[in-house]
Protein backbone atom coordinates (compact mmCIF):
# COMPACT_ATOMS: atom_id res chain seq x y z
CA SER A 1 -0.21 0.12 0.24
CA VAL A 2 0.98 4.01 -0.28
CA LEU A 3 1.44 4.17 2.98
CA MET A 4 3.76 1.25 3.89
CA ALA A 5 6.07 2.25 0.94
CA GLY A 6 5.72 5.60 2.82
CA ALA A 7 6.48 4.52 5.98
CA THR A 8 9.33 2.13 4.48
CA GLN A 9 11.08 5.57 2.85
CA GLY A 10 11.03 7.50 6.10
CA GLY A 11 7.39 8.77 5.67
CA SER A 12 6.11 9.81 9.22
CA ASN A 13 2.60 11.52 8.11
CA PRO A 14 -0.02 9.39 6.86
CA LEU A 15 -1.84 12.05 5.28
CA THR A 16 1.23 12.60 2.71
CA PRO A 17 2.70 8.97 2.83
CA ILE A 18 4.82 9.10 -0.22
CA ALA A 19 5.78 12.94 0.51
CA ASN A 20 9.63 12.44 1.08
CA LEU A 21 9.90 10.29 -1.94
CA SER A 22 9.89 13.46 -3.83
CA GLY A 23 13.61 14.71 -1.90
CA PRO A 24 13.58 16.60 0.62
CA ALA A 25 10.60 18.56 2.17
CA ARG A 26 10.23 22.03 1.76
CA THR A 27 10.25 23.93 4.93
CA ASN A 28 7.61 26.07 5.97
CA ALA A 29 8.49 29.63 7.42
CA THR A 30 5.56 29.62 9.88
CA LEU A 31 6.25 26.20 11.20
CA GLU A 32 10.06 27.68 11.94
CA ARG A 33 9.20 29.92 13.72
CA PHE A 34 7.28 27.50 16.99
CA ILE A 35 9.07 28.23 20.10
CA HIS A 36 8.77 24.91 21.55
CA VAL A 37 7.72 23.94 25.40
CA ASN A 38 7.63 20.88 27.21
CA ASN A 39 6.53 21.90 30.36
CA LEU A 40 5.08 25.06 32.41
CA ASP A 41 8.30 26.06 33.51
CA SER A 42 9.45 26.32 29.57
CA LEU A 43 5.86 28.26 28.96
CA GLU A 44 6.15 30.64 31.54
CA LEU A 45 9.75 31.42 30.27
CA ALA A 46 8.60 31.86 26.50
CA LEU A 47 5.24 33.67 27.85
CA SER A 48 7.42 36.33 29.71
CA GLN A 49 10.04 36.62 26.66
CA ALA A 50 6.34 37.52 24.80
CA LYS A 51 5.92 40.51 26.51
CA ASP A 52 8.79 42.18 24.83
CA SER A 53 7.48 41.75 21.53
CA ALA A 54 4.11 43.22 22.13
CA LEU A 55 2.34 40.66 19.81
CA PRO A 56 -0.08 38.53 21.06
CA VAL A 57 0.50 34.75 21.82
CA MET A 58 -0.37 31.37 19.81
CA LEU A 59 0.01 28.37 21.81
CA ASP A 60 -0.62 25.54 19.97
CA PHE A 61 -0.80 21.63 21.87
CA TYR A 62 0.27 19.46 19.40
CA ALA A 63 1.10 15.35 19.31
CA ASP A 64 2.23 13.52 16.36
CA TRP A 65 0.04 10.89 17.05
CA CYS A 66 -2.72 13.26 16.51
CA ILE A 67 -4.26 13.53 13.27
CA SER A 68 -6.42 16.76 13.47
CA CYS A 69 -3.05 18.49 14.61
CA GLN A 70 -1.24 17.18 11.52
CA ILE A 71 -3.87 18.39 9.06
CA LEU A 72 -3.36 21.97 11.40
CA GLU A 73 0.09 21.92 10.83
CA HIS A 74 0.36 20.74 6.81
CA GLN A 75 -3.31 22.26 5.94
CA VAL A 76 -4.08 25.18 7.88
CA PHE A 77 -0.90 26.81 9.38
CA THR A 78 0.67 26.65 6.05
CA ARG A 79 -1.87 28.60 3.54
CA GLU A 80 -0.10 31.77 2.66
CA ASP A 81 -2.82 33.89 4.20
CA ILE A 82 -2.79 32.28 7.41
CA GLY A 83 0.87 32.00 7.24
CA LYS A 84 1.11 35.86 6.98
CA THR A 85 -1.55 36.56 9.54
CA LEU A 86 0.46 34.22 11.51
CA GLU A 87 3.64 36.76 11.45
CA ASN A 88 1.45 39.01 13.80
CA PHE A 89 1.96 36.69 16.71
CA VAL A 90 4.55 35.11 18.80
CA LEU A 91 4.10 31.14 17.98
CA ILE A 92 4.41 28.54 21.32
CA ARG A 93 4.18 25.11 20.52
CA ALA A 94 3.59 22.12 23.33
CA ASP A 95 4.34 18.95 21.97
CA VAL A 96 2.56 16.49 23.89
CA THR A 97 3.61 13.43 22.01
CA ASP A 98 5.06 11.29 24.65
CA ASN A 99 1.95 12.19 27.31
CA ASN A 100 4.58 11.95 30.10
CA LYS A 101 3.98 13.59 33.67
CA GLU A 102 5.15 17.11 32.72
CA HIS A 103 2.78 17.27 29.20
CA GLN A 104 -0.37 15.95 31.59
CA LEU A 105 0.84 18.97 34.10
CA LEU A 106 0.28 21.32 31.44
CA LEU A 107 -2.70 19.85 29.91
CA LYS A 108 -4.16 19.86 33.21
CA HIS A 109 -3.06 23.56 34.17
CA PHE A 110 -4.91 24.74 30.90
CA GLY A 111 -8.10 22.19 31.97
CA LEU A 112 -7.41 20.48 28.57
CA PHE A 113 -8.07 16.71 27.67
CA GLY A 114 -5.26 16.80 24.88
CA PRO A 115 -4.77 18.28 21.30
CA PRO A 116 -5.31 19.96 18.74
CA SER A 117 -5.88 22.94 21.35
CA LEU A 118 -5.17 26.19 20.74
CA LEU A 119 -4.74 28.69 23.00
CA PHE A 120 -4.16 32.79 22.65
CA PHE A 121 -2.88 35.10 24.76
CA SER A 122 -3.04 39.21 24.73
CA ASN A 123 0.36 40.83 24.49
CA GLN A 124 0.12 40.63 28.14
CA SER A 125 0.18 37.27 28.46
CA ASN A 126 -3.27 36.98 29.86
CA GLU A 127 -5.41 34.16 28.15
CA LEU A 128 -7.94 35.46 26.21
CA LYS A 129 -10.15 32.21 26.93
CA THR A 130 -13.30 33.01 24.65
CA TYR A 131 -10.59 32.69 21.72
CA ARG A 132 -9.28 29.06 22.51
CA ILE A 133 -9.74 26.30 19.51
CA GLN A 134 -10.27 22.58 20.60
CA GLY A 135 -10.39 20.27 18.17
CA GLU A 136 -9.99 20.77 14.37
CA ILE A 137 -11.01 24.25 12.76
CA THR A 138 -11.21 24.59 8.82
CA ALA A 139 -8.19 27.26 7.50
CA GLY A 140 -11.03 30.11 6.55
CA ASP A 141 -12.85 29.63 10.29
CA PHE A 142 -9.26 29.83 11.42
CA TYR A 143 -7.82 32.63 9.00
CA LEU A 144 -11.09 35.12 10.48
CA HIS A 145 -10.77 33.44 14.18
CA LEU A 146 -6.87 34.94 13.68
CA GLN A 147 -8.15 38.38 12.36
CA SER A 148 -10.35 38.83 15.71
CA VAL A 149 -7.85 38.05 18.39
CA LEU A 150 -5.12 40.34 16.46
CA GLU A 151 -8.37 42.83 16.57
CA ARG A 152 -8.96 42.20 20.04
CA ASN A 153 -4.81 42.41 20.76
CA GLN A 154 -5.32 45.78 19.27
CA GLN A 155 -8.22 47.35 20.89
CA GLN A 156 -6.80 46.34 24.00
CA HIS A 157 -3.25 47.74 23.80
CA GLN A 158 -4.95 50.81 22.62
CA PHE A 159 -6.97 51.31 25.94
CA ALA A 160 -3.99 50.50 27.85
CA ILE A 161 -1.98 53.31 25.94
CA LYS A 162 -4.92 55.50 26.96
CA LYS A 163 -5.12 54.71 30.55
CA THR A 164 -1.63 55.07 30.80
CA GLY A 165 -1.52 58.19 29.16
CA GLY A 166 1.06 57.13 26.52
């Protein structure tokens, strides 16, 4: 079968089992921008560093065995308009593939049962809970969702400037 052919040649993505037969995979700039975290401490450090950028944060809970995560990674995040929009975010990925104790604590901290889950944080590192996405989302809906997060972040930023008199 095609899946077996892909697997014997080092293919690891069931959605594109023979992609690696056509030569080296094309790297995607969006995927390369993710800061990888694997426990609460590394996440808190990444969030505090993100504050300096004044950009909102998208935290992607991901696992290799999660088919919906693969779809997001290969069919949603790689879409050109989404990639451009994600340039306005700090991207953090919590890879919970191993489902070890630290991964379980990370999921529990946010009340999640597993990937895929996308959490959004303001540029002040406060989670925007109403913007959470759990499960699959189409590229079109995701694009609109990102726009609304950016709009919310912009409004909050302007309010903060007025409040501080900046």
